[in-house]
Every structure is written in C-alpha cells, then in structure tokens.
C-alpha atoms as a PDB file:
ATOM      1  CA  MET A   1      85.397 110.312  78.906  1.00  0.00           C
ATOM      2  CA  SER A   2      84.901 113.886  78.781  1.00  0.00           C
ATOM      3  CA  ALA A   3      85.457 116.270  81.577  1.00  0.00           C
ATOM      4  CA  ASN A   4      86.170 119.924  82.136  1.00  0.00           C
ATOM      5  CA  VAL A   5      87.943 121.780  85.102  1.00  0.00           C
ATOM      6  CA  SER A   6      85.573 121.547  87.670  1.00  0.00           C
ATOM      7  CA  SER A   7      85.114 117.902  87.061  1.00  0.00           C
ATOM      8  CA  ILE A   8      88.679 117.084  87.408  1.00  0.00           C
ATOM      9  CA  ARG A   9      89.652 114.576  90.261  1.00  0.00           C
ATOM     10  CA  ILE A  10      92.958 114.431  91.393  1.00  0.00           C
ATOM     11  CA  GLY A  11      94.603 111.783  93.772  1.00  0.00           C
ATOM     12  CA  ILE A  12      97.007 113.101  96.535  1.00  0.00           C
ATOM     13  CA  TYR A  13      99.414 110.278  97.683  1.00  0.00           C
ATOM     14  CA  GLY A  14     101.459 111.347 100.447  1.00  0.00           C
ATOM     15  CA  THR A  15     101.430 114.232 102.960  1.00  0.00           C
ATOM     16  CA  ASP A  16      99.309 117.466 102.233  1.00  0.00           C
ATOM     17  CA  GLY A  17     102.165 119.547 102.840  1.00  0.00           C
ATOM     18  CA  ALA A  18     100.835 122.019 105.422  1.00  0.00           C
ATOM     19  CA  PHE A  19     100.238 122.646 109.053  1.00  0.00           C
ATOM     20  CA  ALA A  20      97.014 123.823 110.700  1.00  0.00           C
ATOM     21  CA  HIS A  21      95.888 127.271 109.944  1.00  0.00           C
ATOM     22  CA  GLU A  22      98.666 128.212 107.669  1.00  0.00           C
ATOM     23  CA  ARG A  23      97.808 129.947 104.478  1.00  0.00           C
ATOM     24  CA  HIS A  24      99.469 129.729 100.922  1.00  0.00           C
ATOM     25  CA  GLY A  25     102.200 132.267 100.348  1.00  0.00           C
ATOM     26  CA  CYS A  26      99.675 134.598  98.277  1.00  0.00           C
ATOM     27  CA  GLY A  27      97.223 134.557 101.022  1.00  0.00           C
ATOM     28  CA  LEU A  28      94.382 133.485  98.929  1.00  0.00           C
ATOM     29  CA  TRP A  29      93.383 130.246 100.370  1.00  0.00           C
ATOM     30  CA  PRO A  30      94.956 127.453 103.020  1.00  0.00           C
ATOM     31  CA  ALA A  31      98.399 126.178 102.563  1.00  0.00           C
ATOM     32  CA  GLY A  32      98.656 122.517 101.444  1.00  0.00           C
ATOM     33  CA  TYR A  33      98.136 120.648  98.129  1.00  0.00           C
ATOM     34  CA  ALA A  34      94.438 119.880  98.725  1.00  0.00           C
ATOM     35  CA  ALA A  35      93.561 123.531  98.701  1.00  0.00           C
ATOM     36  CA  THR A  36      95.765 124.445  96.106  1.00  0.00           C
ATOM     37  CA  LEU A  37      94.237 121.904  93.853  1.00  0.00           C
ATOM     38  CA  THR A  38      90.760 123.478  94.911  1.00  0.00           C
ATOM     39  CA  ALA A  39      91.971 126.849  94.275  1.00  0.00           C
ATOM     40  CA  ALA A  40      93.083 125.719  90.740  1.00  0.00           C
ATOM     41  CA  GLY A  41      89.580 124.367  89.944  1.00  0.00           C
ATOM     42  CA  ALA A  42      90.053 120.442  90.752  1.00  0.00           C
ATOM     43  CA  THR A  43      88.805 118.019  93.304  1.00  0.00           C
ATOM     44  CA  PRO A  44      91.298 116.753  95.450  1.00  0.00           C
ATOM     45  CA  VAL A  45      91.028 112.735  96.393  1.00  0.00           C
ATOM     46  CA  PRO A  46      93.309 111.592  99.189  1.00  0.00           C
ATOM     47  CA  LEU A  47      95.045 108.487  98.640  1.00  0.00           C
ATOM     48  CA  ASP A  48      95.966 107.091 102.213  1.00  0.00           C
ATOM     49  CA  ASP A  49      96.213 103.737 101.804  1.00  0.00           C
ATOM     50  CA  LEU A  50      96.049 102.149  98.452  1.00  0.00           C
ATOM     51  CA  GLY A  51      96.366  98.322  99.568  1.00  0.00           C
ATOM     52  CA  SER A  52      95.194  95.519  97.467  1.00  0.00           C
ATOM     53  CA  ASP A  53      94.812  95.423  93.697  1.00  0.00           C
ATOM     54  CA  ARG A  54      90.985  95.424  94.348  1.00  0.00           C
ATOM     55  CA  ARG A  55      91.240  98.856  96.498  1.00  0.00           C
ATOM     56  CA  TRP A  56      94.128 100.247  94.101  1.00  0.00           C
ATOM     57  CA  ASN A  57      91.578 100.028  91.192  1.00  0.00           C
ATOM     58  CA  ASP A  58      88.633 101.314  93.267  1.00  0.00           C
ATOM     59  CA  LEU A  59      90.600 104.466  94.152  1.00  0.00           C
ATOM     60  CA  LEU A  60      92.484 104.966  90.966  1.00  0.00           C
ATOM     61  CA  ASP A  61      90.070 104.224  88.017  1.00  0.00           C
ATOM     62  CA  ASP A  62      87.674 107.404  88.348  1.00  0.00           C
ATOM     63  CA  LEU A  63      90.824 109.897  88.802  1.00  0.00           C
ATOM     64  CA  HIS A  64      91.863 112.202  86.143  1.00  0.00           C
ATOM     65  CA  GLY A  65      95.595 112.967  87.644  1.00  0.00           C
ATOM     66  CA  ILE A  66      98.015 112.518  90.627  1.00  0.00           C
ATOM     67  CA  LEU A  67      99.915 114.314  92.656  1.00  0.00           C
ATOM     68  CA  ILE A  68     102.737 112.478  94.205  1.00  0.00           C
ATOM     69  CA  SER A  69     103.922 114.543  97.511  1.00  0.00           C
ATOM     70  CA  GLY A  70     105.373 111.379  99.585  1.00  0.00           C
ATOM     71  CA  SER A  71     106.590 111.510 102.898  1.00  0.00           C
ATOM     72  CA  GLU A  72     109.897 112.608 104.662  1.00  0.00           C
ATOM     73  CA  ALA A  73     110.944 109.118 105.749  1.00  0.00           C
ATOM     74  CA  PRO A  74     109.245 106.638 103.490  1.00  0.00           C
ATOM     75  CA  THR A  75     109.049 103.181 104.707  1.00  0.00           C
ATOM     76  CA  GLY A  76     110.263 100.477 102.139  1.00  0.00           C
ATOM     77  CA  ALA A  77     107.008  99.498 101.079  1.00  0.00           C
ATOM     78  CA  GLU A  78     105.657 103.372 100.475  1.00  0.00           C
ATOM     79  CA  THR A  79     108.533 103.302  98.170  1.00  0.00           C
ATOM     80  CA  VAL A  80     107.572 100.444  96.196  1.00  0.00           C
ATOM     81  CA  GLU A  81     104.139 101.224  96.491  1.00  0.00           C
ATOM     82  CA  GLY A  82     104.882 105.023  95.070  1.00  0.00           C
ATOM     83  CA  GLN A  83     106.941 103.578  92.210  1.00  0.00           C
ATOM     84  CA  ARG A  84     103.923 101.196  91.391  1.00  0.00           C
ATOM     85  CA  LEU A  85     101.698 104.107  91.409  1.00  0.00           C
ATOM     86  CA  CYS A  86     104.119 106.104  88.938  1.00  0.00           C
ATOM     87  CA  GLU A  87     104.430 102.948  86.401  1.00  0.00           C
ATOM     88  CA  TRP A  88     100.628 102.640  86.735  1.00  0.00           C
ATOM     89  CA  CYS A  89     100.052 106.190  85.484  1.00  0.00           C
ATOM     90  CA  ARG A  90     102.669 106.220  82.989  1.00  0.00           C
ATOM     91  CA  LYS A  91     101.085 102.995  81.399  1.00  0.00           C
ATOM     92  CA  ARG A  92      97.821 104.928  81.030  1.00  0.00           C
ATOM     93  CA  ARG A  93      98.982 108.327  80.207  1.00  0.00           C
ATOM     94  CA  LEU A  94      97.292 109.557  83.809  1.00  0.00           C
ATOM     95  CA  PRO A  95      99.119 113.178  84.188  1.00  0.00           C
ATOM     96  CA  VAL A  96     101.443 113.301  87.262  1.00  0.00           C
ATOM     97  CA  LEU A  97     102.807 116.229  89.114  1.00  0.00           C
ATOM     98  CA  ALA A  98     105.326 115.287  91.741  1.00  0.00           C
ATOM     99  CA  VAL A  99     106.596 117.530  94.709  1.00  0.00           C
ATOM    100  CA  ASP A 100     109.731 117.311  96.783  1.00  0.00           C
ATOM    101  CA  HIS A 101     109.688 114.041  98.060  1.00  0.00           C
ATOM    102  CA  GLY A 102     107.610 112.874  95.124  1.00  0.00           C
ATOM    103  CA  LEU A 103     109.759 113.847  93.132  1.00  0.00           C
ATOM    104  CA  HIS A 104     112.610 111.277  93.968  1.00  0.00           C
ATOM    105  CA  ILE A 105     109.885 108.709  93.974  1.00  0.00           C
ATOM    106  CA  LEU A 106     109.208 109.764  90.151  1.00  0.00           C
ATOM    107  CA  ASN A 107     113.020 109.837  89.285  1.00  0.00           C
ATOM    108  CA  ALA A 108     113.985 106.702  91.046  1.00  0.00           C
ATOM    109  CA  THR A 109     111.395 104.735  89.179  1.00  0.00           C
ATOM    110  CA  TYR A 110     112.971 105.046  86.060  1.00  0.00           C
ATOM    111  CA  GLY A 111     116.433 104.529  86.969  1.00  0.00           C
ATOM    112  CA  GLY A 112     117.438 108.292  88.428  1.00  0.00           C
ATOM    113  CA  ASN A 113     118.867 108.571  91.761  1.00  0.00           C
ATOM    114  CA  SER A 114     119.272 111.385  94.305  1.00  0.00           C
ATOM    115  CA  TYR A 115     121.802 113.142  96.795  1.00  0.00           C
ATOM    116  CA  GLN A 116     120.369 112.431 100.006  1.00  0.00           C
ATOM    117  CA  ASP A 117     122.643 114.940 102.074  1.00  0.00           C
ATOM    118  CA  LEU A 118     123.023 117.944  99.428  1.00  0.00           C
ATOM    119  CA  PRO A 119     125.475 120.010 101.577  1.00  0.00           C
ATOM    120  CA  ARG A 120     127.859 117.019 102.264  1.00  0.00           C
ATOM    121  CA  GLU A 121     127.632 115.525  98.657  1.00  0.00           C
ATOM    122  CA  PHE A 122     127.284 118.786  96.710  1.00  0.00           C
ATOM    123  CA  PRO A 123     129.470 120.822  98.315  1.00  0.00           C
ATOM    124  CA  GLU A 124     129.894 123.408  95.743  1.00  0.00           C
ATOM    125  CA  GLY A 125     126.170 123.811  96.052  1.00  0.00           C
ATOM    126  CA  ILE A 126     125.585 127.799  97.599  1.00  0.00           C
ATOM    127  CA  GLN A 127     121.553 127.986  97.176  1.00  0.00           C
ATOM    128  CA  HIS A 128     120.561 125.208  99.945  1.00  0.00           C
ATOM    129  CA  ARG A 129     120.485 125.332 103.573  1.00  0.00           C
ATOM    130  CA  HIS A 130     120.614 121.954 105.967  1.00  0.00           C
ATOM    131  CA  PRO A 131     118.632 121.559 108.402  1.00  0.00           C
ATOM    132  CA  PRO A 132     116.232 122.848 105.426  1.00  0.00           C
ATOM    133  CA  GLU A 133     115.136 126.616 106.894  1.00  0.00           C
ATOM    134  CA  LYS A 134     111.813 127.532 106.517  1.00  0.00           C
ATOM    135  CA  GLY A 135     111.144 130.799 104.355  1.00  0.00           C
ATOM    136  CA  LEU A 136     114.499 130.349 102.424  1.00  0.00           C
ATOM    137  CA  ARG A 137     114.342 131.230  98.552  1.00  0.00           C
ATOM    138  CA  HIS A 138     116.383 131.313  95.763  1.00  0.00           C
ATOM    139  CA  ALA A 139     116.367 131.493  92.009  1.00  0.00           C
ATOM    140  CA  ILE A 140     115.965 128.598  89.433  1.00  0.00           C
ATOM    141  CA  ASN A 141     116.419 129.193  85.723  1.00  0.00           C
ATOM    142  CA  VAL A 142     113.649 127.373  83.696  1.00  0.00           C
ATOM    143  CA  GLU A 143     114.850 125.879  80.531  1.00  0.00           C
ATOM    144  CA  PRO A 144     113.074 126.902  77.355  1.00  0.00           C
ATOM    145  CA  GLY A 145     111.043 124.617  75.247  1.00  0.00           C
ATOM    146  CA  THR A 146     110.173 122.524  78.429  1.00  0.00           C
ATOM    147  CA  ARG A 147     106.350 121.741  79.782  1.00  0.00           C
ATOM    148  CA  LEU A 148     107.769 123.937  83.038  1.00  0.00           C
ATOM    149  CA  ALA A 149     108.645 127.028  80.596  1.00  0.00           C
ATOM    150  CA  GLU A 150     104.830 126.397  79.085  1.00  0.00           C
ATOM    151  CA  ILE A 151     103.927 126.895  83.155  1.00  0.00           C
ATOM    152  CA  TYR A 152     106.217 129.499  84.375  1.00  0.00           C
ATOM    153  CA  GLY A 153     108.036 131.045  81.591  1.00  0.00           C
ATOM    154  CA  GLU A 154     111.433 130.598  80.953  1.00  0.00           C
ATOM    155  CA  GLY A 155     114.239 132.157  82.557  1.00  0.00           C
ATOM    156  CA  GLU A 156     114.560 132.954  85.938  1.00  0.00           C
ATOM    157  CA  VAL A 157     111.874 132.634  88.733  1.00  0.00           C
ATOM    158  CA  VAL A 158     112.336 132.556  92.216  1.00  0.00           C
ATOM    159  CA  VAL A 159     111.090 129.693  94.569  1.00  0.00           C
ATOM    160  CA  ASN A 160     111.202 128.354  98.205  1.00  0.00           C
ATOM    161  CA  SER A 161     113.874 126.245  99.301  1.00  0.00           C
ATOM    162  CA  GLU A 162     113.435 123.583 102.127  1.00  0.00           C
ATOM    163  CA  HIS A 163     114.866 120.561 101.028  1.00  0.00           C
ATOM    164  CA  ARG A 164     117.905 118.670 101.850  1.00  0.00           C
ATOM    165  CA  ARG A 165     117.906 116.192  98.994  1.00  0.00           C
ATOM    166  CA  ALA A 166     118.548 116.727  95.206  1.00  0.00           C
ATOM    167  CA  VAL A 167     118.241 114.835  92.201  1.00  0.00           C
ATOM    168  CA  CYS A 168     121.624 113.352  90.923  1.00  0.00           C
ATOM    169  CA  LYS A 169     121.168 111.235  88.277  1.00  0.00           C
ATOM    170  CA  VAL A 170     117.816 112.151  86.135  1.00  0.00           C
ATOM    171  CA  ALA A 171     115.783 109.258  84.854  1.00  0.00           C
ATOM    172  CA  LYS A 172     115.999 107.678  81.733  1.00  0.00           C
ATOM    173  CA  GLY A 173     113.174 109.132  79.345  1.00  0.00           C
ATOM    174  CA  PHE A 174     113.311 112.337  81.430  1.00  0.00           C
ATOM    175  CA  ARG A 175     115.090 115.736  81.072  1.00  0.00           C
ATOM    176  CA  ILE A 176     116.254 118.625  83.252  1.00  0.00           C
ATOM    177  CA  SER A 177     113.526 121.381  83.207  1.00  0.00           C
ATOM    178  CA  ALA A 178     114.888 123.572  86.008  1.00  0.00           C
ATOM    179  CA  ARG A 179     118.181 124.496  87.869  1.00  0.00           C
ATOM    180  CA  ALA A 180     119.246 126.667  90.573  1.00  0.00           C
ATOM    181  CA  LEU A 181     121.784 128.981  89.819  1.00  0.00           C
ATOM    182  CA  ASP A 182     124.550 126.770  91.543  1.00  0.00           C
ATOM    183  CA  GLY A 183     123.663 123.872  89.025  1.00  0.00           C
ATOM    184  CA  VAL A 184     121.409 121.755  91.618  1.00  0.00           C
ATOM    185  CA  ILE A 185     118.467 120.278  89.509  1.00  0.00           C
ATOM    186  CA  GLU A 186     115.055 121.661  90.853  1.00  0.00           C
ATOM    187  CA  ALA A 187     112.699 120.183  88.064  1.00  0.00           C
ATOM    188  CA  ILE A 188     112.578 117.349  85.611  1.00  0.00           C
ATOM    189  CA  GLU A 189     109.653 116.215  83.619  1.00  0.00           C
ATOM    190  CA  THR A 190     109.279 113.478  80.689  1.00  0.00           C
ATOM    191  CA  GLU A 191     110.643 113.943  77.192  1.00  0.00           C
ATOM    192  CA  THR A 192     107.753 112.373  75.521  1.00  0.00           C
ATOM    193  CA  ALA A 193     104.741 114.638  74.573  1.00  0.00           C
ATOM    194  CA  SER A 194     102.425 111.949  75.474  1.00  0.00           C
ATOM    195  CA  TRP A 195     102.650 111.690  78.964  1.00  0.00           C
ATOM    196  CA  PHE A 196     102.491 114.862  81.210  1.00  0.00           C
ATOM    197  CA  ALA A 197     104.912 113.976  84.268  1.00  0.00           C
ATOM    198  CA  LEU A 198     106.790 116.554  85.780  1.00  0.00           C
ATOM    199  CA  GLY A 199     108.467 116.763  89.119  1.00  0.00           C
ATOM    200  CA  VAL A 200     109.708 120.044  91.322  1.00  0.00           C
ATOM    201  CA  GLN A 201     111.927 120.131  94.229  1.00  0.00           C
ATOM    202  CA  TRP A 202     110.403 123.331  95.683  1.00  0.00           C
ATOM    203  CA  HIS A 203     107.252 123.452  97.858  1.00  0.00           C
ATOM    204  CA  PRO A 204     104.474 125.281  95.665  1.00  0.00           C
ATOM    205  CA  ALA A 205     101.656 124.848  98.093  1.00  0.00           C
ATOM    206  CA  SER A 206     102.959 125.927 101.217  1.00  0.00           C
ATOM    207  CA  ALA A 207     103.050 128.954 103.507  1.00  0.00           C
ATOM    208  CA  THR A 208     106.211 130.073 101.482  1.00  0.00           C
ATOM    209  CA  ALA A 209     105.287 129.654  98.132  1.00  0.00           C
ATOM    210  CA  SER A 210     104.474 132.434  95.574  1.00  0.00           C
ATOM    211  CA  GLY A 211     101.506 133.121  93.615  1.00  0.00           C
ATOM    212  CA  LEU A 212     103.165 132.334  90.773  1.00  0.00           C
ATOM    213  CA  ASP A 213     103.024 128.548  91.971  1.00  0.00           C
ATOM    214  CA  ILE A 214      99.415 128.035  91.390  1.00  0.00           C
ATOM    215  CA  GLN A 215     100.428 127.704  87.809  1.00  0.00           C
ATOM    216  CA  LEU A 216     101.796 124.611  88.643  1.00  0.00           C
ATOM    217  CA  PHE A 217      98.564 123.081  89.804  1.00  0.00           C
ATOM    218  CA  ARG A 218      96.675 125.101  87.084  1.00  0.00           C
ATOM    219  CA  GLY A 219      99.137 123.012  84.411  1.00  0.00           C
ATOM    220  CA  LEU A 220      98.185 119.788  85.623  1.00  0.00           C
ATOM    221  CA  VAL A 221      94.565 120.029  85.489  1.00  0.00           C
ATOM    222  CA  GLU A 222      94.718 121.606  82.078  1.00  0.00           C
ATOM    223  CA  ALA A 223      96.770 118.230  81.316  1.00  0.00           C
ATOM    224  CA  CYS A 224      94.113 116.032  82.998  1.00  0.00           C
ATOM    225  CA  VAL A 225      91.052 117.747  80.955  1.00  0.00           C
ATOM    226  CA  GLN A 226      93.356 117.640  77.835  1.00  0.00           C
ATOM    227  CA  ARG A 227      93.813 113.456  78.169  1.00  0.00           C
ATOM    228  CA  CYS A 228      90.215 113.461  78.907  1.00  0.00           C
ATOM    229  CA  SER A 229      89.057 115.412  75.635  1.00  0.00           C
ATOM    230  CA  GLU A 230      91.587 112.974  73.501  1.00  0.00           C
ATOM    231  CA  ALA A 231      90.094 110.092  75.190  1.00  0.00           C
ATOM    232  CA  SER A 232      86.571 111.449  74.066  1.00  0.00           C
ATOM    233  CA  ARG A 233      87.643 112.137  70.498  1.00  0.00           C
ATOM    234  CA  THR A 234      89.415 108.440  70.161  1.00  0.00           C
ATOM    235  CA  SER A 235      85.937 106.922  71.672  1.00  0.00           C
ATOM    236  CA  ARG A 236      84.047 108.632  69.009  1.00  0.00           C
ATOM    237  CA  VAL A 237      86.139 107.742  66.561  1.00  0.00           C
ATOM    238  CA  HIS A 238      86.237 104.030  67.253  1.00  0.00           C
ATOM    239  CA  ALA A 239      82.453 104.070  67.797  1.00  0.00           C
ATOM    240  CA  ALA A 240      81.993 105.620  63.994  1.00  0.00           C
END
C-alpha cells in the first residue's frame, strides 16, 4: 500500500476534545482532534462504536493510523475495547497517538498504571490543579533521543495542564519521553523503532493548545506515510 499525506486516514477513538465554536489555541482552525488532524493534512475518521469483529475489521482495515482520546469516565467495556484497539495496532504496527485519557488506555494495555487523583497521590507535585483548571499551563522537559524530541525538539516546552490523572508506572516496552518540572510523567512512547506509539498527557487540539502542538499530529501523519512506504517496498520485493 502506498500513500501520501493527503490520502492518510486516521481513526479517532474517543471524544473529539472540543466544545462548539472553540478555536485551536493558535486560532487558525477549530479546536478538536478531527479539525487538527485535517489541518495536519489527514482525513479524520470517527470510530464511535467498533462493535462486532466484522464491523471492527470493516472500520479499521482501511485506516493508516489511530488517535486514541478515550473518555473521562469510561465504562469497563470501553476500557477493554480501547486496550484491544491498542493491541490490534501493535500487531499491525499501525501508528498510534494517545492523548490524555487515551494515554492511560495505552499505558494500562501493557502493564502500566496511573495516579487517579494526582494532588492526593502525588502531593509533592506542584504543577497541576484539581479540579483541572482550563487554561492552566506549565513547562515540561522533553527527553533527548526520543520520538517526542524529534517532534518538539528536546528541552523545555510549555503545554496546557488540565488533568487530574498521570502515569505512575510506565508500561513494559515503553519509556518516558517528557516530565513536568515536578517530576510528573507527561509523555511516554514505545522503545521499539518498528512501531510509532506515543502518548501525551496534555491537550494538543484544545482551545488552550499552542501552535507548536500541531507538530504532534504532523508526526503521526508522517509515521503513517512512512509505514505505507515501507509496506509498499516490501510488497515490490516479494513480487520480484
């Protein structure tokens, strides 16, 4: 399969992350994952209900990547379905960007766990608020040598902070790619080079996001294009 940026189809599993009439923090397009993926050059595909195995395959087989946002109060069935989706992507090396609640789905799928109430369980943390305060921002340190550093650049970056949960134990096969200045884990990613799977705690498509956050979505799109190119080269080699 070959693809260019304009033909990349990315499924959105979970909420869109925006209220009506909100604009992305840079003001150039509407807030929300669908609008921001469109601004990054991809075609967003909502995945409201994956349902049966047949519907699952019908919906997912023509996608090039997945964005997992999850929901604020997922049911047990939604959690199981989200974890199944992560594993489906891993087996096919389908690129994944997991945001906020989606980060915790991704982390839990592979054995990680989370703080459910950050101020109570991590009282030494000073960068966050409960309940989440819209518009609150803080700095994070992006670890050198990570995929996230390739997207944002290494060192200090300012992101929005509207969460009460955070990663406590990082999943097997993943590494920390960013922390807040108080040590709270803000991003994780796979250690393997063969699968693009990146999870972030902040909200890169919201009305409080910065213009730099579009790079996350462009990074996902580029990973999808690269995977398609590699698959096409493999097919030509086998055909020869």
